[in-house]
């Protein structure tokens, strides 16, 4: 094949692909080996407040669906570990309410931890 025939074929293929909605490949801009930022980006205080407000609203809605109306996120609704740190244990048989990435328990599902004798 001659160079002129090859150019005609390439142009015809590009026109057919463009008609079907395909775009021609673009050259990468910038450095070839540019380093990408690793890990998650730090959130600003405003972004943190937005996420906290959304989680609080989801928490109230999830516990309301379970029939618990007295819900104050981060006060009387905490994770298992946070209740343990406050000296309370989750009662046997109680189930957590999943809110986002957290398994939460209402204070009504906990009891005071028994005092340890001899400690």
N, C-alpha and C. Protein backbone atom coordinates (compact mmCIF):
# COMPACT_ATOMS: atom_id res chain seq x y z
N UNK A 1 0.83 -1.18 0.00
CA UNK A 1 0.00 0.00 0.00
C UNK A 1 0.88 1.24 0.00
N UNK A 2 0.36 2.24 -0.62
CA UNK A 2 1.07 3.50 -0.67
C UNK A 2 0.66 4.35 0.53
N UNK A 3 1.47 5.35 0.82
CA UNK A 3 1.22 6.22 1.96
C UNK A 3 -0.08 6.99 1.78
N UNK A 4 -0.37 7.35 0.53
CA UNK A 4 -1.60 8.11 0.26
C UNK A 4 -2.83 7.25 0.53
N UNK A 5 -2.79 5.97 0.13
CA UNK A 5 -3.91 5.06 0.38
C UNK A 5 -4.09 4.83 1.88
N UNK A 6 -2.99 4.70 2.59
CA UNK A 6 -3.05 4.49 4.04
C UNK A 6 -3.67 5.70 4.72
N UNK A 7 -3.32 6.90 4.33
CA UNK A 7 -3.88 8.13 4.92
C UNK A 7 -5.37 8.20 4.64
N UNK A 8 -5.80 7.78 3.46
CA UNK A 8 -7.22 7.79 3.11
C UNK A 8 -8.00 6.81 3.98
N UNK A 9 -7.42 5.62 4.21
CA UNK A 9 -8.07 4.61 5.04
C UNK A 9 -8.17 5.10 6.49
N UNK A 10 -7.11 5.68 7.01
CA UNK A 10 -7.10 6.19 8.38
C UNK A 10 -8.16 7.29 8.54
N UNK A 11 -8.24 8.18 7.57
CA UNK A 11 -9.24 9.25 7.62
C UNK A 11 -10.65 8.67 7.59
N UNK A 12 -10.89 7.65 6.77
CA UNK A 12 -12.21 7.03 6.67
C UNK A 12 -12.58 6.35 7.99
N UNK A 13 -11.63 5.67 8.63
CA UNK A 13 -11.89 5.00 9.91
C UNK A 13 -12.19 6.03 10.99
N UNK A 14 -11.43 7.12 11.03
CA UNK A 14 -11.67 8.18 12.01
C UNK A 14 -13.04 8.81 11.81
N UNK A 15 -13.44 9.02 10.57
CA UNK A 15 -14.75 9.60 10.28
C UNK A 15 -15.86 8.66 10.73
N UNK A 16 -15.67 7.33 10.49
CA UNK A 16 -16.69 6.35 10.90
C UNK A 16 -16.81 6.29 12.42
N UNK A 17 -15.68 6.33 13.11
CA UNK A 17 -15.71 6.30 14.58
C UNK A 17 -16.34 7.57 15.14
N UNK A 18 -16.03 8.72 14.53
CA UNK A 18 -16.61 9.98 14.98
C UNK A 18 -18.12 9.98 14.79
N UNK A 19 -18.59 9.36 13.73
CA UNK A 19 -20.02 9.28 13.47
C UNK A 19 -20.72 8.43 14.53
N UNK A 20 -20.02 7.45 15.09
CA UNK A 20 -20.60 6.59 16.14
C UNK A 20 -20.43 7.19 17.53
N UNK A 21 -19.76 8.32 17.64
CA UNK A 21 -19.61 8.97 18.93
C UNK A 21 -18.28 8.73 19.60
N UNK A 22 -17.36 8.03 18.96
CA UNK A 22 -16.04 7.79 19.55
C UNK A 22 -15.16 9.01 19.35
N UNK A 23 -14.34 9.29 20.34
CA UNK A 23 -13.43 10.42 20.24
C UNK A 23 -12.02 9.91 19.99
N UNK A 24 -11.25 10.71 19.31
CA UNK A 24 -9.86 10.35 19.04
C UNK A 24 -9.08 10.40 20.34
N UNK A 25 -8.11 9.51 20.53
CA UNK A 25 -7.34 9.53 21.77
C UNK A 25 -6.56 10.83 21.90
N UNK A 26 -6.50 11.34 23.13
CA UNK A 26 -5.81 12.59 23.42
C UNK A 26 -4.45 12.27 24.02
N UNK A 27 -3.50 13.12 23.75
CA UNK A 27 -2.20 12.97 24.37
C UNK A 27 -2.29 13.44 25.82
N UNK A 28 -1.58 12.77 26.68
CA UNK A 28 -1.58 13.14 28.09
C UNK A 28 -0.88 14.48 28.25
N UNK A 29 -1.46 15.33 29.10
CA UNK A 29 -0.87 16.63 29.34
C UNK A 29 -0.05 16.57 30.60
N UNK A 30 0.98 17.38 30.66
CA UNK A 30 1.81 17.43 31.85
C UNK A 30 2.93 16.40 31.80
N UNK A 31 3.52 16.18 32.94
CA UNK A 31 4.64 15.25 33.03
C UNK A 31 4.15 13.82 32.93
N UNK A 32 4.96 12.97 32.34
CA UNK A 32 4.60 11.57 32.22
C UNK A 32 4.53 10.88 33.56
N UNK A 33 5.51 11.11 34.37
CA UNK A 33 5.63 10.41 35.64
C UNK A 33 5.27 11.30 36.82
N UNK A 34 4.28 12.16 36.65
CA UNK A 34 3.88 13.04 37.74
C UNK A 34 3.30 12.20 38.88
N UNK A 35 3.70 12.53 40.11
CA UNK A 35 3.23 11.77 41.26
C UNK A 35 1.82 12.22 41.63
N UNK A 36 0.97 11.26 41.88
CA UNK A 36 -0.39 11.55 42.32
C UNK A 36 -0.40 11.58 43.84
N UNK A 37 -1.26 12.40 44.42
CA UNK A 37 -1.34 12.40 45.88
C UNK A 37 -1.84 11.05 46.38
N UNK A 38 -1.23 10.55 47.43
CA UNK A 38 -1.59 9.24 47.96
C UNK A 38 -2.51 9.41 49.15
N UNK A 39 -3.42 8.46 49.31
CA UNK A 39 -4.31 8.46 50.46
C UNK A 39 -5.43 9.47 50.32
N UNK A 40 -6.15 9.64 51.41
CA UNK A 40 -7.28 10.56 51.39
C UNK A 40 -6.82 11.98 51.67
N UNK A 41 -7.55 12.91 51.13
CA UNK A 41 -7.28 14.32 51.38
C UNK A 41 -7.85 14.70 52.74
N UNK A 42 -7.20 15.59 53.45
CA UNK A 42 -7.68 16.06 54.75
C UNK A 42 -8.94 16.89 54.54
N UNK A 43 -9.92 16.69 55.42
CA UNK A 43 -11.16 17.46 55.34
C UNK A 43 -11.00 18.79 56.07
N UNK A 44 -11.66 19.79 55.55
CA UNK A 44 -11.69 21.08 56.24
C UNK A 44 -12.70 20.99 57.38
N UNK A 45 -12.68 21.97 58.28
CA UNK A 45 -13.62 21.97 59.39
C UNK A 45 -15.06 22.07 58.90
N UNK A 46 -15.27 22.83 57.83
CA UNK A 46 -16.62 22.96 57.28
C UNK A 46 -17.11 21.61 56.72
N UNK A 47 -16.23 20.89 56.04
CA UNK A 47 -16.60 19.57 55.50
C UNK A 47 -16.88 18.58 56.62
N UNK A 48 -16.08 18.65 57.69
CA UNK A 48 -16.31 17.78 58.84
C UNK A 48 -17.67 18.06 59.46
N UNK A 49 -18.03 19.34 59.56
CA UNK A 49 -19.31 19.72 60.15
C UNK A 49 -20.47 19.20 59.29
N UNK A 50 -20.31 19.24 57.98
CA UNK A 50 -21.36 18.74 57.08
C UNK A 50 -21.54 17.24 57.28
N UNK A 51 -20.44 16.49 57.33
CA UNK A 51 -20.53 15.04 57.53
C UNK A 51 -21.13 14.71 58.90
N UNK A 52 -20.74 15.46 59.93
CA UNK A 52 -21.28 15.21 61.27
C UNK A 52 -22.78 15.47 61.31
N UNK A 53 -23.23 16.54 60.67
CA UNK A 53 -24.66 16.86 60.66
C UNK A 53 -25.44 15.78 59.90
N UNK A 54 -24.88 15.30 58.81
CA UNK A 54 -25.54 14.23 58.05
C UNK A 54 -25.62 12.95 58.87
N UNK A 55 -24.52 12.59 59.55
CA UNK A 55 -24.52 11.40 60.40
C UNK A 55 -25.52 11.53 61.55
N UNK A 56 -25.61 12.72 62.14
CA UNK A 56 -26.57 12.94 63.23
C UNK A 56 -28.00 12.76 62.74
N UNK A 57 -28.30 13.32 61.57
CA UNK A 57 -29.65 13.18 61.02
C UNK A 57 -29.97 11.73 60.70
N UNK A 58 -29.00 11.01 60.12
CA UNK A 58 -29.19 9.59 59.82
C UNK A 58 -29.39 8.79 61.11
N UNK A 59 -28.65 9.14 62.16
CA UNK A 59 -28.75 8.46 63.46
C UNK A 59 -30.14 8.64 64.05
N UNK A 60 -30.64 9.86 64.05
CA UNK A 60 -31.96 10.13 64.60
C UNK A 60 -33.03 9.38 63.82
N UNK A 61 -32.91 9.38 62.49
CA UNK A 61 -33.89 8.68 61.65
C UNK A 61 -33.84 7.17 61.89
N UNK A 62 -32.63 6.61 62.01
CA UNK A 62 -32.50 5.16 62.20
C UNK A 62 -33.09 4.72 63.54
N UNK A 63 -32.83 5.48 64.60
CA UNK A 63 -33.37 5.11 65.90
C UNK A 63 -34.87 5.37 65.98
N UNK A 64 -35.35 6.39 65.28
CA UNK A 64 -36.80 6.64 65.23
C UNK A 64 -37.51 5.48 64.54
N UNK A 65 -36.87 4.91 63.53
CA UNK A 65 -37.46 3.75 62.84
C UNK A 65 -37.53 2.54 63.77
N UNK A 66 -36.64 2.47 64.76
CA UNK A 66 -36.66 1.39 65.74
C UNK A 66 -37.59 1.69 66.91
N UNK A 67 -38.16 2.89 66.95
CA UNK A 67 -39.11 3.23 68.00
C UNK A 67 -38.51 3.98 69.17
N UNK A 68 -37.28 4.42 69.06
CA UNK A 68 -36.61 5.17 70.13
C UNK A 68 -36.63 6.65 69.75
N UNK A 69 -37.28 7.47 70.58
CA UNK A 69 -37.46 8.88 70.25
C UNK A 69 -36.43 9.79 70.93
N UNK A 70 -35.96 9.44 72.12
CA UNK A 70 -35.02 10.26 72.86
C UNK A 70 -33.60 9.98 72.36
N UNK A 71 -33.23 10.59 71.25
CA UNK A 71 -31.93 10.32 70.63
C UNK A 71 -31.12 11.60 70.59
N UNK A 72 -29.95 11.54 71.22
CA UNK A 72 -29.00 12.66 71.16
C UNK A 72 -27.65 12.07 70.74
N UNK A 73 -27.32 12.16 69.45
CA UNK A 73 -26.06 11.60 68.98
C UNK A 73 -24.87 12.13 69.78
N UNK A 74 -23.95 11.25 70.08
CA UNK A 74 -22.72 11.52 70.84
C UNK A 74 -22.97 11.79 72.31
N UNK A 75 -24.23 11.67 72.76
CA UNK A 75 -24.55 11.81 74.18
C UNK A 75 -25.16 10.52 74.72
N UNK A 76 -26.31 10.12 74.17
CA UNK A 76 -26.93 8.88 74.65
C UNK A 76 -27.00 7.81 73.57
N UNK A 77 -26.27 8.02 72.48
CA UNK A 77 -26.14 7.02 71.42
C UNK A 77 -24.65 6.94 71.08
N UNK A 78 -24.04 5.81 71.42
CA UNK A 78 -22.60 5.64 71.23
C UNK A 78 -22.29 4.24 70.72
N UNK A 79 -21.03 4.02 70.34
CA UNK A 79 -20.58 2.69 69.94
C UNK A 79 -20.35 1.83 71.19
N UNK A 80 -20.17 0.54 70.98
CA UNK A 80 -19.93 -0.41 72.08
C UNK A 80 -18.71 0.04 72.88
N UNK A 81 -17.64 0.36 72.18
CA UNK A 81 -16.38 0.71 72.86
C UNK A 81 -16.52 2.00 73.68
N UNK A 82 -17.24 2.98 73.13
CA UNK A 82 -17.43 4.23 73.86
C UNK A 82 -18.27 4.02 75.12
N UNK A 83 -19.28 3.15 75.06
CA UNK A 83 -20.06 2.84 76.26
C UNK A 83 -19.17 2.16 77.29
N UNK A 84 -18.31 1.25 76.83
CA UNK A 84 -17.39 0.55 77.73
C UNK A 84 -16.46 1.54 78.42
N UNK A 85 -15.95 2.51 77.65
CA UNK A 85 -15.06 3.52 78.23
C UNK A 85 -15.78 4.37 79.28
N UNK A 86 -17.09 4.53 79.15
CA UNK A 86 -17.88 5.31 80.11
C UNK A 86 -18.35 4.46 81.28
N UNK A 87 -17.96 3.19 81.33
CA UNK A 87 -18.32 2.33 82.45
C UNK A 87 -19.68 1.65 82.29
N UNK A 88 -20.15 1.50 81.07
CA UNK A 88 -21.43 0.84 80.83
C UNK A 88 -21.19 -0.32 79.87
N UNK A 89 -22.00 -1.35 80.00
CA UNK A 89 -21.94 -2.51 79.11
C UNK A 89 -23.26 -2.66 78.37
N UNK A 90 -23.17 -3.10 77.14
CA UNK A 90 -24.38 -3.36 76.36
C UNK A 90 -25.02 -4.63 76.90
N UNK A 91 -26.33 -4.58 77.11
CA UNK A 91 -27.06 -5.74 77.64
C UNK A 91 -26.98 -6.90 76.67
N UNK A 92 -27.01 -8.10 77.23
CA UNK A 92 -26.95 -9.30 76.42
C UNK A 92 -28.18 -9.38 75.52
N UNK A 93 -27.97 -9.68 74.26
CA UNK A 93 -29.06 -9.83 73.31
C UNK A 93 -29.45 -8.57 72.57
N UNK A 94 -28.89 -7.43 72.98
CA UNK A 94 -29.22 -6.17 72.29
C UNK A 94 -28.51 -6.12 70.94
N UNK A 95 -29.19 -5.57 69.96
CA UNK A 95 -28.64 -5.46 68.61
C UNK A 95 -28.28 -4.01 68.32
N UNK A 96 -27.20 -3.82 67.59
CA UNK A 96 -26.76 -2.48 67.23
C UNK A 96 -27.61 -1.95 66.08
N UNK A 97 -27.66 -0.63 65.99
CA UNK A 97 -28.29 0.04 64.86
C UNK A 97 -27.17 0.56 63.98
N UNK A 98 -27.16 0.15 62.74
CA UNK A 98 -26.10 0.54 61.81
C UNK A 98 -26.41 1.92 61.23
N UNK A 99 -25.49 2.86 61.46
CA UNK A 99 -25.62 4.20 60.89
C UNK A 99 -24.29 4.52 60.21
N UNK A 100 -24.31 4.54 58.89
CA UNK A 100 -23.06 4.75 58.15
C UNK A 100 -22.09 3.64 58.49
N UNK A 101 -20.87 3.98 58.87
CA UNK A 101 -19.90 2.94 59.22
C UNK A 101 -19.94 2.53 60.69
N UNK A 102 -20.91 3.04 61.45
CA UNK A 102 -20.92 2.82 62.90
C UNK A 102 -22.04 1.88 63.32
N UNK A 103 -21.75 1.03 64.32
CA UNK A 103 -22.76 0.22 65.00
C UNK A 103 -23.04 0.91 66.33
N UNK A 104 -24.23 1.47 66.47
CA UNK A 104 -24.54 2.31 67.62
C UNK A 104 -25.56 1.65 68.55
N UNK A 105 -25.46 1.99 69.84
CA UNK A 105 -26.38 1.50 70.87
C UNK A 105 -26.93 2.70 71.63
N UNK A 106 -28.22 2.67 71.93
CA UNK A 106 -28.85 3.71 72.75
C UNK A 106 -28.56 3.39 74.21
N UNK A 107 -28.63 4.38 75.07
CA UNK A 107 -28.35 4.18 76.49
C UNK A 107 -29.32 3.17 77.10
N UNK A 108 -30.53 3.07 76.56
CA UNK A 108 -31.51 2.12 77.09
C UNK A 108 -31.09 0.67 76.84
N UNK A 109 -30.13 0.46 75.93
CA UNK A 109 -29.64 -0.88 75.65
C UNK A 109 -28.40 -1.22 76.46
N UNK A 110 -28.04 -0.33 77.41
CA UNK A 110 -26.85 -0.57 78.23
C UNK A 110 -27.21 -0.61 79.70
N UNK A 111 -26.27 -1.06 80.51
CA UNK A 111 -26.42 -1.07 81.96
C UNK A 111 -25.07 -0.74 82.58
N UNK A 112 -25.11 -0.31 83.83
CA UNK A 112 -23.86 -0.01 84.54
C UNK A 112 -23.01 -1.28 84.62
N UNK A 113 -21.73 -1.11 84.44
CA UNK A 113 -20.81 -2.25 84.56
C UNK A 113 -20.71 -2.63 86.02
N UNK A 114 -20.67 -3.92 86.32
CA UNK A 114 -20.56 -4.33 87.72
C UNK A 114 -19.20 -3.92 88.30
N UNK A 115 -19.20 -3.59 89.56
CA UNK A 115 -17.98 -3.18 90.24
C UNK A 115 -17.08 -4.41 90.39
N UNK A 116 -15.81 -4.23 90.19
CA UNK A 116 -14.84 -5.32 90.31
C UNK A 116 -14.37 -5.37 91.77
N UNK A 117 -14.51 -6.54 92.39
CA UNK A 117 -14.13 -6.71 93.79
C UNK A 117 -12.62 -6.95 93.86
N UNK A 118 -11.96 -6.23 94.75
CA UNK A 118 -10.54 -6.44 94.96
C UNK A 118 -9.68 -5.63 94.01
N UNK A 119 -10.24 -4.74 93.31
CA UNK A 119 -9.43 -3.94 92.36
C UNK A 119 -8.97 -2.66 92.99
